[in-house]
């Protein structure tokens, strides 16, 4: 299966995500757009996590009035994880067993067959 090139500007994590999905599944053009969102979110998540780790992985920091507050990167990391999960869910990829080769989306293929037969 030919793999479309990863979009320009993806980082290491995003390119790895692109390769793992685009190389394993047949996607429609609109799904490649969602995959790009997955990959860019993966890159942002990697950058946020790296910045938090570089800062010593603190749970809290001092707020503007000196009060103890949650470190600002923690909610950002959580939000990007949720966004990536939502994008991946939107793709509707089938679950693959550990070590198994992923297969195309059988539900989508069945629906496409049903609708293409109606038009014939």
PDB file of N, CA and C in Angstrom:
ATOM      1  N   UNK A   1       0.850  -1.175   0.000  1.00  0.00           N
ATOM      2  CA  UNK A   1       0.000   0.000   0.000  1.00  0.00           C
ATOM      3  C   UNK A   1       0.898   1.240   0.000  1.00  0.00           C
ATOM      4  N   UNK A   2       0.656   2.139  -0.917  1.00  0.00           N
ATOM      5  CA  UNK A   2       1.433   3.368  -1.010  1.00  0.00           C
ATOM      6  C   UNK A   2       1.025   4.314   0.117  1.00  0.00           C
ATOM      7  N   UNK A   3       2.012   4.909   0.745  1.00  0.00           N
ATOM      8  CA  UNK A   3       1.753   5.823   1.852  1.00  0.00           C
ATOM      9  C   UNK A   3       1.952   7.247   1.361  1.00  0.00           C
ATOM     10  N   UNK A   4       0.952   8.086   1.582  1.00  0.00           N
ATOM     11  CA  UNK A   4       1.109   9.501   1.243  1.00  0.00           C
ATOM     12  C   UNK A   4       2.174  10.109   2.125  1.00  0.00           C
ATOM     13  N   UNK A   5       2.892  11.062   1.574  1.00  0.00           N
ATOM     14  CA  UNK A   5       3.923  11.744   2.354  1.00  0.00           C
ATOM     15  C   UNK A   5       3.301  12.486   3.517  1.00  0.00           C
ATOM     16  N   UNK A   6       4.038  12.533   4.606  1.00  0.00           N
ATOM     17  CA  UNK A   6       3.589  13.292   5.775  1.00  0.00           C
ATOM     18  C   UNK A   6       3.553  14.776   5.414  1.00  0.00           C
ATOM     19  N   UNK A   7       2.608  15.510   5.967  1.00  0.00           N
ATOM     20  CA  UNK A   7       2.528  16.944   5.688  1.00  0.00           C
ATOM     21  C   UNK A   7       3.802  17.679   6.114  1.00  0.00           C
ATOM     22  N   UNK A   8       4.097  18.742   5.413  1.00  0.00           N
ATOM     23  CA  UNK A   8       5.265  19.565   5.716  1.00  0.00           C
ATOM     24  C   UNK A   8       5.109  20.158   7.116  1.00  0.00           C
ATOM     25  N   UNK A   9       6.195  20.181   7.854  1.00  0.00           N
ATOM     26  CA  UNK A   9       6.201  20.821   9.160  1.00  0.00           C
ATOM     27  C   UNK A   9       5.938  19.902  10.333  1.00  0.00           C
ATOM     28  N   UNK A  10       5.651  18.621  10.062  1.00  0.00           N
ATOM     29  CA  UNK A  10       5.455  17.708  11.183  1.00  0.00           C
ATOM     30  C   UNK A  10       6.792  17.426  11.850  1.00  0.00           C
ATOM     31  N   UNK A  11       6.753  17.284  13.165  1.00  0.00           N
ATOM     32  CA  UNK A  11       7.943  16.925  13.923  1.00  0.00           C
ATOM     33  C   UNK A  11       8.115  15.413  13.969  1.00  0.00           C
ATOM     34  N   UNK A  12       9.080  14.981  14.742  1.00  0.00           N
ATOM     35  CA  UNK A  12       9.413  13.559  14.832  1.00  0.00           C
ATOM     36  C   UNK A  12       8.212  12.725  15.307  1.00  0.00           C
ATOM     37  N   UNK A  13       7.553  13.165  16.375  1.00  0.00           N
ATOM     38  CA  UNK A  13       6.413  12.411  16.918  1.00  0.00           C
ATOM     39  C   UNK A  13       5.257  12.381  15.924  1.00  0.00           C
ATOM     40  N   UNK A  14       4.983  13.506  15.290  1.00  0.00           N
ATOM     41  CA  UNK A  14       3.903  13.578  14.316  1.00  0.00           C
ATOM     42  C   UNK A  14       4.167  12.713  13.096  1.00  0.00           C
ATOM     43  N   UNK A  15       5.411  12.719  12.624  1.00  0.00           N
ATOM     44  CA  UNK A  15       5.766  11.884  11.471  1.00  0.00           C
ATOM     45  C   UNK A  15       5.627  10.401  11.811  1.00  0.00           C
ATOM     46  N   UNK A  16       6.025  10.029  13.023  1.00  0.00           N
ATOM     47  CA  UNK A  16       5.900   8.630  13.438  1.00  0.00           C
ATOM     48  C   UNK A  16       4.428   8.234  13.496  1.00  0.00           C
ATOM     49  N   UNK A  17       3.585   9.124  14.011  1.00  0.00           N
ATOM     50  CA  UNK A  17       2.142   8.861  14.077  1.00  0.00           C
ATOM     51  C   UNK A  17       1.580   8.714  12.662  1.00  0.00           C
ATOM     52  N   UNK A  18       1.978   9.614  11.765  1.00  0.00           N
ATOM     53  CA  UNK A  18       1.514   9.575  10.373  1.00  0.00           C
ATOM     54  C   UNK A  18       1.875   8.236   9.739  1.00  0.00           C
ATOM     55  N   UNK A  19       3.127   7.845   9.872  1.00  0.00           N
ATOM     56  CA  UNK A  19       3.602   6.602   9.250  1.00  0.00           C
ATOM     57  C   UNK A  19       2.858   5.390   9.790  1.00  0.00           C
ATOM     58  N   UNK A  20       2.618   5.367  11.098  1.00  0.00           N
ATOM     59  CA  UNK A  20       1.973   4.196  11.686  1.00  0.00           C
ATOM     60  C   UNK A  20       0.531   4.055  11.213  1.00  0.00           C
ATOM     61  N   UNK A  21      -0.166   5.162  11.003  1.00  0.00           N
ATOM     62  CA  UNK A  21      -1.570   5.082  10.581  1.00  0.00           C
ATOM     63  C   UNK A  21      -1.688   5.047   9.063  1.00  0.00           C
ATOM     64  N   UNK A  22      -1.035   5.975   8.380  1.00  0.00           N
ATOM     65  CA  UNK A  22      -1.147   6.033   6.914  1.00  0.00           C
ATOM     66  C   UNK A  22      -0.560   4.784   6.261  1.00  0.00           C
ATOM     67  N   UNK A  23       0.392   4.164   6.921  1.00  0.00           N
ATOM     68  CA  UNK A  23       0.995   2.959   6.368  1.00  0.00           C
ATOM     69  C   UNK A  23       0.215   1.690   6.655  1.00  0.00           C
ATOM     70  N   UNK A  24      -0.795   1.786   7.528  1.00  0.00           N
ATOM     71  CA  UNK A  24      -1.536   0.596   7.937  1.00  0.00           C
ATOM     72  C   UNK A  24      -3.000   0.576   7.523  1.00  0.00           C
ATOM     73  N   UNK A  25      -3.563   1.728   7.181  1.00  0.00           N
ATOM     74  CA  UNK A  25      -4.987   1.820   6.893  1.00  0.00           C
ATOM     75  C   UNK A  25      -5.238   2.543   5.573  1.00  0.00           C
ATOM     76  N   UNK A  26      -6.327   2.180   4.921  1.00  0.00           N
ATOM     77  CA  UNK A  26      -6.780   2.929   3.746  1.00  0.00           C
ATOM     78  C   UNK A  26      -7.664   4.058   4.269  1.00  0.00           C
ATOM     79  N   UNK A  27      -7.307   5.280   3.952  1.00  0.00           N
ATOM     80  CA  UNK A  27      -8.066   6.435   4.422  1.00  0.00           C
ATOM     81  C   UNK A  27      -8.630   7.212   3.242  1.00  0.00           C
ATOM     82  N   UNK A  28      -9.783   7.827   3.481  1.00  0.00           N
ATOM     83  CA  UNK A  28     -10.373   8.729   2.490  1.00  0.00           C
ATOM     84  C   UNK A  28      -9.659  10.079   2.607  1.00  0.00           C
ATOM     85  N   UNK A  29      -9.800  10.939   1.598  1.00  0.00           N
ATOM     86  CA  UNK A  29      -9.157  12.261   1.662  1.00  0.00           C
ATOM     87  C   UNK A  29      -9.539  13.061   2.913  1.00  0.00           C
ATOM     88  N   UNK A  30     -10.810  13.022   3.319  1.00  0.00           N
ATOM     89  CA  UNK A  30     -11.218  13.756   4.509  1.00  0.00           C
ATOM     90  C   UNK A  30     -10.580  13.175   5.767  1.00  0.00           C
ATOM     91  N   UNK A  31     -10.318  11.881   5.767  1.00  0.00           N
ATOM     92  CA  UNK A  31      -9.677  11.251   6.920  1.00  0.00           C
ATOM     93  C   UNK A  31      -8.199  11.632   7.001  1.00  0.00           C
ATOM     94  N   UNK A  32      -7.571  11.885   5.865  1.00  0.00           N
ATOM     95  CA  UNK A  32      -6.186  12.350   5.902  1.00  0.00           C
ATOM     96  C   UNK A  32      -6.097  13.723   6.563  1.00  0.00           C
ATOM     97  N   UNK A  33      -7.134  14.530   6.398  1.00  0.00           N
ATOM     98  CA  UNK A  33      -7.164  15.833   7.074  1.00  0.00           C
ATOM     99  C   UNK A  33      -7.231  15.638   8.584  1.00  0.00           C
ATOM    100  N   UNK A  34      -8.055  14.703   9.024  1.00  0.00           N
ATOM    101  CA  UNK A  34      -8.151  14.403  10.463  1.00  0.00           C
ATOM    102  C   UNK A  34      -6.833  13.809  10.947  1.00  0.00           C
ATOM    103  N   UNK A  35      -6.218  12.947  10.138  1.00  0.00           N
ATOM    104  CA  UNK A  35      -4.928  12.370  10.512  1.00  0.00           C
ATOM    105  C   UNK A  35      -3.881  13.460  10.692  1.00  0.00           C
ATOM    106  N   UNK A  36      -3.908  14.468   9.840  1.00  0.00           N
ATOM    107  CA  UNK A  36      -2.970  15.579  10.006  1.00  0.00           C
ATOM    108  C   UNK A  36      -3.207  16.275  11.346  1.00  0.00           C
ATOM    109  N   UNK A  37      -4.476  16.452  11.718  1.00  0.00           N
ATOM    110  CA  UNK A  37      -4.791  17.040  13.026  1.00  0.00           C
ATOM    111  C   UNK A  37      -4.245  16.172  14.159  1.00  0.00           C
ATOM    112  N   UNK A  38      -4.388  14.859  14.020  1.00  0.00           N
ATOM    113  CA  UNK A  38      -3.843  13.922  15.018  1.00  0.00           C
ATOM    114  C   UNK A  38      -2.339  14.143  15.153  1.00  0.00           C
ATOM    115  N   UNK A  39      -1.664  14.220  14.021  1.00  0.00           N
ATOM    116  CA  UNK A  39      -0.199  14.328  14.021  1.00  0.00           C
ATOM    117  C   UNK A  39       0.283  15.665  14.570  1.00  0.00           C
ATOM    118  N   UNK A  40      -0.372  16.740  14.215  1.00  0.00           N
ATOM    119  CA  UNK A  40       0.025  18.057  14.733  1.00  0.00           C
ATOM    120  C   UNK A  40      -0.250  18.139  16.242  1.00  0.00           C
ATOM    121  N   UNK A  41      -1.339  17.528  16.675  1.00  0.00           N
ATOM    122  CA  UNK A  41      -1.638  17.484  18.109  1.00  0.00           C
ATOM    123  C   UNK A  41      -0.605  16.624  18.836  1.00  0.00           C
ATOM    124  N   UNK A  42      -0.184  15.542  18.209  1.00  0.00           N
ATOM    125  CA  UNK A  42       0.857  14.683  18.784  1.00  0.00           C
ATOM    126  C   UNK A  42       2.158  15.454  18.937  1.00  0.00           C
ATOM    127  N   UNK A  43       2.520  16.244  17.934  1.00  0.00           N
ATOM    128  CA  UNK A  43       3.732  17.068  18.026  1.00  0.00           C
ATOM    129  C   UNK A  43       3.626  18.088  19.156  1.00  0.00           C
ATOM    130  N   UNK A  44       2.468  18.749  19.270  1.00  0.00           N
ATOM    131  CA  UNK A  44       2.282  19.739  20.322  1.00  0.00           C
ATOM    132  C   UNK A  44       2.345  19.069  21.694  1.00  0.00           C
ATOM    133  N   UNK A  45       1.738  17.913  21.820  1.00  0.00           N
ATOM    134  CA  UNK A  45       1.768  17.164  23.072  1.00  0.00           C
ATOM    135  C   UNK A  45       3.201  16.783  23.435  1.00  0.00           C
ATOM    136  N   UNK A  46       3.975  16.365  22.457  1.00  0.00           N
ATOM    137  CA  UNK A  46       5.382  16.017  22.699  1.00  0.00           C
ATOM    138  C   UNK A  46       6.170  17.244  23.160  1.00  0.00           C
ATOM    139  N   UNK A  47       5.923  18.393  22.530  1.00  0.00           N
ATOM    140  CA  UNK A  47       6.635  19.621  22.903  1.00  0.00           C
ATOM    141  C   UNK A  47       6.242  20.080  24.307  1.00  0.00           C
ATOM    142  N   UNK A  48       4.952  20.029  24.618  1.00  0.00           N
ATOM    143  CA  UNK A  48       4.495  20.433  25.956  1.00  0.00           C
ATOM    144  C   UNK A  48       5.056  19.515  27.031  1.00  0.00           C
ATOM    145  N   UNK A  49       5.035  18.222  26.760  1.00  0.00           N
ATOM    146  CA  UNK A  49       5.563  17.253  27.721  1.00  0.00           C
ATOM    147  C   UNK A  49       7.066  17.450  27.919  1.00  0.00           C
ATOM    148  N   UNK A  50       7.788  17.676  26.830  1.00  0.00           N
ATOM    149  CA  UNK A  50       9.237  17.910  26.931  1.00  0.00           C
ATOM    150  C   UNK A  50       9.528  19.171  27.752  1.00  0.00           C
ATOM    151  N   UNK A  51       8.743  20.230  27.553  1.00  0.00           N
ATOM    152  CA  UNK A  51       8.943  21.471  28.314  1.00  0.00           C
ATOM    153  C   UNK A  51       8.671  21.237  29.796  1.00  0.00           C
ATOM    154  N   UNK A  52       7.635  20.461  30.096  1.00  0.00           N
ATOM    155  CA  UNK A  52       7.287  20.167  31.488  1.00  0.00           C
ATOM    156  C   UNK A  52       8.377  19.322  32.149  1.00  0.00           C
ATOM    157  N   UNK A  53       8.890  18.322  31.434  1.00  0.00           N
ATOM    158  CA  UNK A  53       9.965  17.476  31.953  1.00  0.00           C
ATOM    159  C   UNK A  53      11.228  18.304  32.146  1.00  0.00           C
ATOM    160  N   UNK A  54      11.538  19.172  31.184  1.00  0.00           N
ATOM    161  CA  UNK A  54      12.717  20.035  31.276  1.00  0.00           C
ATOM    162  C   UNK A  54      12.621  20.955  32.493  1.00  0.00           C
ATOM    163  N   UNK A  55      11.400  21.316  32.860  1.00  0.00           N
ATOM    164  CA  UNK A  55      11.162  22.175  34.023  1.00  0.00           C
ATOM    165  C   UNK A  55      11.209  21.380  35.328  1.00  0.00           C
ATOM    166  N   UNK A  56      11.430  20.057  35.226  1.00  0.00           N
ATOM    167  CA  UNK A  56      11.532  19.226  36.415  1.00  0.00           C
ATOM    168  C   UNK A  56      10.251  18.476  36.741  1.00  0.00           C
ATOM    169  N   UNK A  57       9.287  18.467  35.835  1.00  0.00           N
ATOM    170  CA  UNK A  57       7.995  17.801  36.007  1.00  0.00           C
ATOM    171  C   UNK A  57       7.262  18.222  37.278  1.00  0.00           C
ATOM    172  N   UNK A  58       7.203  19.537  37.541  1.00  0.00           N
ATOM    173  CA  UNK A  58       6.557  19.981  38.780  1.00  0.00           C
ATOM    174  C   UNK A  58       5.031  19.839  38.703  1.00  0.00           C
ATOM    175  N   UNK A  59       4.438  19.510  39.827  1.00  0.00           N
ATOM    176  CA  UNK A  59       2.979  19.430  39.900  1.00  0.00           C
ATOM    177  C   UNK A  59       2.383  20.815  40.155  1.00  0.00           C
ATOM    178  N   UNK A  60       3.133  21.654  40.855  1.00  0.00           N
ATOM    179  CA  UNK A  60       2.633  22.986  41.218  1.00  0.00           C
ATOM    180  C   UNK A  60       3.698  24.043  40.943  1.00  0.00           C
ATOM    181  N   UNK A  61       3.252  25.284  40.993  1.00  0.00           N
ATOM    182  CA  UNK A  61       4.138  26.437  40.848  1.00  0.00           C
ATOM    183  C   UNK A  61       3.512  27.590  41.628  1.00  0.00           C
ATOM    184  N   UNK A  62       4.209  28.689  41.703  1.00  0.00           N
ATOM    185  CA  UNK A  62       3.670  29.859  42.400  1.00  0.00           C
ATOM    186  C   UNK A  62       2.807  30.678  41.451  1.00  0.00           C
ATOM    187  N   UNK A  63       1.625  31.060  41.944  1.00  0.00           N
ATOM    188  CA  UNK A  63       0.730  31.898  41.165  1.00  0.00           C
ATOM    189  C   UNK A  63       1.140  33.356  41.247  1.00  0.00           C
ATOM    190  N   UNK A  64       0.347  34.228  40.655  1.00  0.00           N
ATOM    191  CA  UNK A  64       0.667  35.655  40.588  1.00  0.00           C
ATOM    192  C   UNK A  64       0.724  36.322  41.961  1.00  0.00           C
ATOM    193  N   UNK A  65       0.035  35.754  42.930  1.00  0.00           N
ATOM    194  CA  UNK A  65       0.027  36.315  44.288  1.00  0.00           C
ATOM    195  C   UNK A  65       0.860  35.463  45.245  1.00  0.00           C
ATOM    196  N   UNK A  66       1.697  34.586  44.664  1.00  0.00           N
ATOM    197  CA  UNK A  66       2.551  33.744  45.487  1.00  0.00           C
ATOM    198  C   UNK A  66       1.870  32.471  45.972  1.00  0.00           C
ATOM    199  N   UNK A  67       0.599  32.290  45.636  1.00  0.00           N
ATOM    200  CA  UNK A  67      -0.127  31.093  46.070  1.00  0.00           C
ATOM    201  C   UNK A  67       0.321  29.884  45.250  1.00  0.00           C
ATOM    202  N   UNK A  68       0.114  28.694  45.808  1.00  0.00           N
ATOM    203  CA  UNK A  68       0.456  27.458  45.141  1.00  0.00           C
ATOM    204  C   UNK A  68      -0.651  27.110  44.143  1.00  0.00           C
ATOM    205  N   UNK A  69      -0.290  26.921  42.869  1.00  0.00           N
ATOM    206  CA  UNK A  69      -1.255  26.560  41.821  1.00  0.00           C
ATOM    207  C   UNK A  69      -0.703  25.386  41.022  1.00  0.00           C
ATOM    208  N   UNK A  70      -1.592  24.689  40.346  1.00  0.00           N
ATOM    209  CA  UNK A  70      -1.158  23.592  39.486  1.00  0.00           C
ATOM    210  C   UNK A  70      -0.277  24.165  38.374  1.00  0.00           C
ATOM    211  N   UNK A  71       0.739  23.423  37.998  1.00  0.00           N
ATOM    212  CA  UNK A  71       1.635  23.881  36.933  1.00  0.00           C
ATOM    213  C   UNK A  71       0.817  24.082  35.655  1.00  0.00           C
ATOM    214  N   UNK A  72       0.985  25.203  34.971  1.00  0.00           N
ATOM    215  CA  UNK A  72       0.137  25.520  33.810  1.00  0.00           C
ATOM    216  C   UNK A  72       0.269  24.554  32.637  1.00  0.00           C
ATOM    217  N   UNK A  73       1.349  23.816  32.543  1.00  0.00           N
ATOM    218  CA  UNK A  73       1.484  22.865  31.436  1.00  0.00           C
ATOM    219  C   UNK A  73       0.630  21.617  31.639  1.00  0.00           C
ATOM    220  N   UNK A  74       0.295  21.298  32.882  1.00  0.00           N
ATOM    221  CA  UNK A  74      -0.465  20.075  33.152  1.00  0.00           C
ATOM    222  C   UNK A  74      -1.847  20.111  32.490  1.00  0.00           C
ATOM    223  N   UNK A  75      -2.643  21.171  32.671  1.00  0.00           N
ATOM    224  CA  UNK A  75      -3.940  21.195  31.974  1.00  0.00           C
ATOM    225  C   UNK A  75      -3.788  21.230  30.444  1.00  0.00           C
ATOM    226  N   UNK A  76      -2.744  21.885  29.976  1.00  0.00           N
ATOM    227  CA  UNK A  76      -2.503  21.945  28.531  1.00  0.00           C
ATOM    228  C   UNK A  76      -2.193  20.554  27.978  1.00  0.00           C
ATOM    229  N   UNK A  77      -1.375  19.820  28.692  1.00  0.00           N
ATOM    230  CA  UNK A  77      -1.044  18.446  28.279  1.00  0.00           C
ATOM    231  C   UNK A  77      -2.315  17.605  28.265  1.00  0.00           C
ATOM    232  N   UNK A  78      -3.123  17.739  29.299  1.00  0.00           N
ATOM    233  CA  UNK A  78      -4.377  16.984  29.367  1.00  0.00           C
ATOM    234  C   UNK A  78      -5.322  17.337  28.230  1.00  0.00           C
ATOM    235  N   UNK A  79      -5.419  18.622  27.924  1.00  0.00           N
ATOM    236  CA  UNK A  79      -6.306  19.063  26.835  1.00  0.00           C
ATOM    237  C   UNK A  79      -5.843  18.504  25.490  1.00  0.00           C
ATOM    238  N   UNK A  80      -4.546  18.478  25.254  1.00  0.00           N
ATOM    239  CA  UNK A  80      -4.029  17.943  23.989  1.00  0.00           C
ATOM    240  C   UNK A  80      -4.209  16.430  23.910  1.00  0.00           C
ATOM    241  N   UNK A  81      -4.111  15.742  25.054  1.00  0.00           N
ATOM    242  CA  UNK A  81      -4.376  14.295  25.051  1.00  0.00           C
ATOM    243  C   UNK A  81      -5.832  14.026  24.681  1.00  0.00           C
ATOM    244  N   UNK A  82      -6.741  14.816  25.256  1.00  0.00           N
ATOM    245  CA  UNK A  82      -8.166  14.654  24.947  1.00  0.00           C
ATOM    246  C   UNK A  82      -8.448  14.971  23.481  1.00  0.00           C
ATOM    247  N   UNK A  83      -7.823  16.017  22.975  1.00  0.00           N
ATOM    248  CA  UNK A  83      -8.022  16.387  21.572  1.00  0.00           C
ATOM    249  C   UNK A  83      -7.527  15.278  20.654  1.00  0.00           C
ATOM    250  N   UNK A  84      -6.348  14.738  20.951  1.00  0.00           N
ATOM    251  CA  UNK A  84      -5.809  13.664  20.110  1.00  0.00           C
ATOM    252  C   UNK A  84      -6.724  12.448  20.152  1.00  0.00           C
ATOM    253  N   UNK A  85      -7.216  12.102  21.334  1.00  0.00           N
ATOM    254  CA  UNK A  85      -8.129  10.959  21.467  1.00  0.00           C
ATOM    255  C   UNK A  85      -9.400  11.189  20.647  1.00  0.00           C
ATOM    256  N   UNK A  86      -9.918  12.418  20.667  1.00  0.00           N
ATOM    257  CA  UNK A  86     -11.122  12.732  19.893  1.00  0.00           C
ATOM    258  C   UNK A  86     -10.860  12.614  18.389  1.00  0.00           C
ATOM    259  N   UNK A  87      -9.710  13.112  17.945  1.00  0.00           N
ATOM    260  CA  UNK A  87      -9.369  13.002  16.524  1.00  0.00           C
ATOM    261  C   UNK A  87      -9.227  11.527  16.123  1.00  0.00           C
ATOM    262  N   UNK A  88      -8.559  10.749  16.968  1.00  0.00           N
ATOM    263  CA  UNK A  88      -8.387   9.326  16.659  1.00  0.00           C
ATOM    264  C   UNK A  88      -9.732   8.616  16.622  1.00  0.00           C
ATOM    265  N   UNK A  89     -10.619   8.965  17.542  1.00  0.00           N
ATOM    266  CA  UNK A  89     -11.959   8.375  17.543  1.00  0.00           C
ATOM    267  C   UNK A  89     -12.704   8.755  16.258  1.00  0.00           C
ATOM    268  N   UNK A  90     -12.518   9.982  15.813  1.00  0.00           N
ATOM    269  CA  UNK A  90     -13.166  10.457  14.585  1.00  0.00           C
ATOM    270  C   UNK A  90     -12.714   9.635  13.377  1.00  0.00           C
ATOM    271  N   UNK A  91     -11.469   9.175  13.401  1.00  0.00           N
ATOM    272  CA  UNK A  91     -10.979   8.340  12.300  1.00  0.00           C
ATOM    273  C   UNK A  91     -11.674   6.984  12.282  1.00  0.00           C
ATOM    274  N   UNK A  92     -12.111   6.506  13.435  1.00  0.00           N
ATOM    275  CA  UNK A  92     -12.831   5.235  13.494  1.00  0.00           C
ATOM    276  C   UNK A  92     -12.001   4.032  13.100  1.00  0.00           C
ATOM    277  N   UNK A  93     -10.730   4.048  13.454  1.00  0.00           N
ATOM    278  CA  UNK A  93      -9.864   2.926  13.111  1.00  0.00           C
ATOM    279  C   UNK A  93     -10.222   1.721  13.969  1.00  0.00           C
ATOM    280  N   UNK A  94     -10.177   0.518  13.402  1.00  0.00           N
ATOM    281  CA  UNK A  94     -10.479  -0.676  14.196  1.00  0.00           C
ATOM    282  C   UNK A  94      -9.374  -0.939  15.210  1.00  0.00           C
ATOM    283  N   UNK A  95      -9.756  -1.568  16.302  1.00  0.00           N
ATOM    284  CA  UNK A  95      -8.756  -1.964  17.293  1.00  0.00           C
ATOM    285  C   UNK A  95      -7.938  -3.099  16.706  1.00  0.00           C
ATOM    286  N   UNK A  96      -6.646  -3.065  16.980  1.00  0.00           N
ATOM    287  CA  UNK A  96      -5.767  -4.138  16.525  1.00  0.00           C
ATOM    288  C   UNK A  96      -5.264  -4.884  17.750  1.00  0.00           C
ATOM    289  N   UNK A  97      -5.299  -6.206  17.690  1.00  0.00           N
ATOM    290  CA  UNK A  97      -4.763  -7.000  18.786  1.00  0.00           C
ATOM    291  C   UNK A  97      -3.270  -6.749  18.880  1.00  0.00           C
ATOM    292  N   UNK A  98      -2.730  -6.934  20.064  1.00  0.00           N
ATOM    293  CA  UNK A  98      -1.294  -6.766  20.294  1.00  0.00           C
ATOM    294  C   UNK A  98      -0.523  -7.622  19.296  1.00  0.00           C
ATOM    295  N   UNK A  99       0.315  -6.993  18.501  1.00  0.00           N
ATOM    296  CA  UNK A  99       1.151  -7.703  17.543  1.00  0.00           C
ATOM    297  C   UNK A  99       0.461  -8.039  16.231  1.00  0.00           C
ATOM    298  N   UNK A 100      -0.831  -7.787  16.144  1.00  0.00           N
ATOM    299  CA  UNK A 100      -1.543  -8.094  14.905  1.00  0.00           C
ATOM    300  C   UNK A 100      -1.395  -6.949  13.915  1.00  0.00           C
ATOM    301  N   UNK A 101      -1.476  -7.281  12.649  1.00  0.00           N
ATOM    302  CA  UNK A 101      -1.408  -6.261  11.605  1.00  0.00           C
ATOM    303  C   UNK A 101      -2.783  -5.600  11.505  1.00  0.00           C
ATOM    304  N   UNK A 102      -2.869  -4.269  11.606  1.00  0.00           N
ATOM    305  CA  UNK A 102      -4.171  -3.593  11.493  1.00  0.00           C
ATOM    306  C   UNK A 102      -4.809  -3.860  10.138  1.00  0.00           C
ATOM    307  N   UNK A 103      -6.137  -3.897  10.140  1.00  0.00           N
ATOM    308  CA  UNK A 103      -6.878  -4.149   8.898  1.00  0.00           C
ATOM    309  C   UNK A 103      -7.688  -2.911   8.552  1.00  0.00           C
ATOM    310  N   UNK A 104      -8.125  -2.799   7.303  1.00  0.00           N
ATOM    311  CA  UNK A 104      -8.966  -1.662   6.932  1.00  0.00           C
ATOM    312  C   UNK A 104     -10.248  -1.638   7.754  1.00  0.00           C
ATOM    313  N   UNK A 105     -10.912  -0.507   7.783  1.00  0.00           N
ATOM    314  CA  UNK A 105     -12.145  -0.329   8.537  1.00  0.00           C
ATOM    315  C   UNK A 105     -13.265  -1.125   7.876  1.00  0.00           C
ATOM    316  N   UNK A 106     -13.604  -2.273   8.453  1.00  0.00           N
ATOM    317  CA  UNK A 106     -14.578  -3.185   7.846  1.00  0.00           C
ATOM    318  C   UNK A 106     -15.988  -2.602   7.839  1.00  0.00           C
ATOM    319  N   UNK A 107     -16.352  -1.873   8.886  1.00  0.00           N
ATOM    320  CA  UNK A 107     -17.682  -1.282   8.947  1.00  0.00           C
ATOM    321  C   UNK A 107     -17.867  -0.250   7.828  1.00  0.00           C
ATOM    322  N   UNK A 108     -16.850   0.592   7.637  1.00  0.00           N
ATOM    323  CA  UNK A 108     -16.925   1.604   6.592  1.00  0.00           C
ATOM    324  C   UNK A 108     -16.960   0.942   5.225  1.00  0.00           C
ATOM    325  N   UNK A 109     -16.134  -0.096   5.033  1.00  0.00           N
ATOM    326  CA  UNK A 109     -16.108  -0.788   3.751  1.00  0.00           C
ATOM    327  C   UNK A 109     -17.462  -1.418   3.441  1.00  0.00           C
ATOM    328  N   UNK A 110     -18.110  -2.003   4.466  1.00  0.00           N
ATOM    329  CA  UNK A 110     -19.425  -2.610   4.266  1.00  0.00           C
ATOM    330  C   UNK A 110     -20.462  -1.548   3.904  1.00  0.00           C
ATOM    331  N   UNK A 111     -20.417  -0.414   4.593  1.00  0.00           N
ATOM    332  CA  UNK A 111     -21.361   0.668   4.300  1.00  0.00           C
ATOM    333  C   UNK A 111     -21.140   1.210   2.897  1.00  0.00           C
ATOM    334  N   UNK A 112     -19.885   1.386   2.519  1.00  0.00           N
ATOM    335  CA  UNK A 112     -19.589   1.882   1.172  1.00  0.00           C
ATOM    336  C   UNK A 112     -20.085   0.909   0.110  1.00  0.00           C
ATOM    337  N   UNK A 113     -19.935  -0.392   0.356  1.00  0.00           N
ATOM    338  CA  UNK A 113     -20.414  -1.403  -0.588  1.00  0.00           C
ATOM    339  C   UNK A 113     -21.927  -1.325  -0.707  1.00  0.00           C
ATOM    340  N   UNK A 114     -22.607  -1.220   0.440  1.00  0.00           N
ATOM    341  CA  UNK A 114     -24.072  -1.146   0.439  1.00  0.00           C
ATOM    342  C   UNK A 114     -24.553   0.056  -0.377  1.00  0.00           C
ATOM    343  N   UNK A 115     -23.939   1.213  -0.144  1.00  0.00           N
ATOM    344  CA  UNK A 115     -24.391   2.432  -0.837  1.00  0.00           C
ATOM    345  C   UNK A 115     -24.011   2.414  -2.310  1.00  0.00           C
ATOM    346  N   UNK A 116     -22.861   1.803  -2.646  1.00  0.00           N
ATOM    347  CA  UNK A 116     -22.488   1.767  -4.055  1.00  0.00           C
ATOM    348  C   UNK A 116     -23.383   0.803  -4.828  1.00  0.00           C
ATOM    349  N   UNK A 117     -23.894  -0.240  -4.165  1.00  0.00           N
ATOM    350  CA  UNK A 117     -24.821  -1.171  -4.822  1.00  0.00           C
ATOM    351  C   UNK A 117     -26.161  -0.507  -5.077  1.00  0.00           C
ATOM    352  N   UNK A 118     -26.586   0.394  -4.184  1.00  0.00           N
ATOM    353  CA  UNK A 118     -27.858   1.086  -4.371  1.00  0.00           C
ATOM    354  C   UNK A 118     -27.832   1.994  -5.595  1.00  0.00           C
ATOM    355  N   UNK A 119     -26.670   2.585  -5.851  1.00  0.00           N
ATOM    356  CA  UNK A 119     -26.548   3.517  -6.961  1.00  0.00           C
ATOM    357  C   UNK A 119     -26.381   2.822  -8.309  1.00  0.00           C
ATOM    358  N   UNK A 120     -26.137   1.530  -8.277  1.00  0.00           N
ATOM    359  CA  UNK A 120     -25.894   0.795  -9.518  1.00  0.00           C
ATOM    360  C   UNK A 120     -27.163   0.374 -10.206  1.00  0.00           C
TER     361      UNK A 120
END
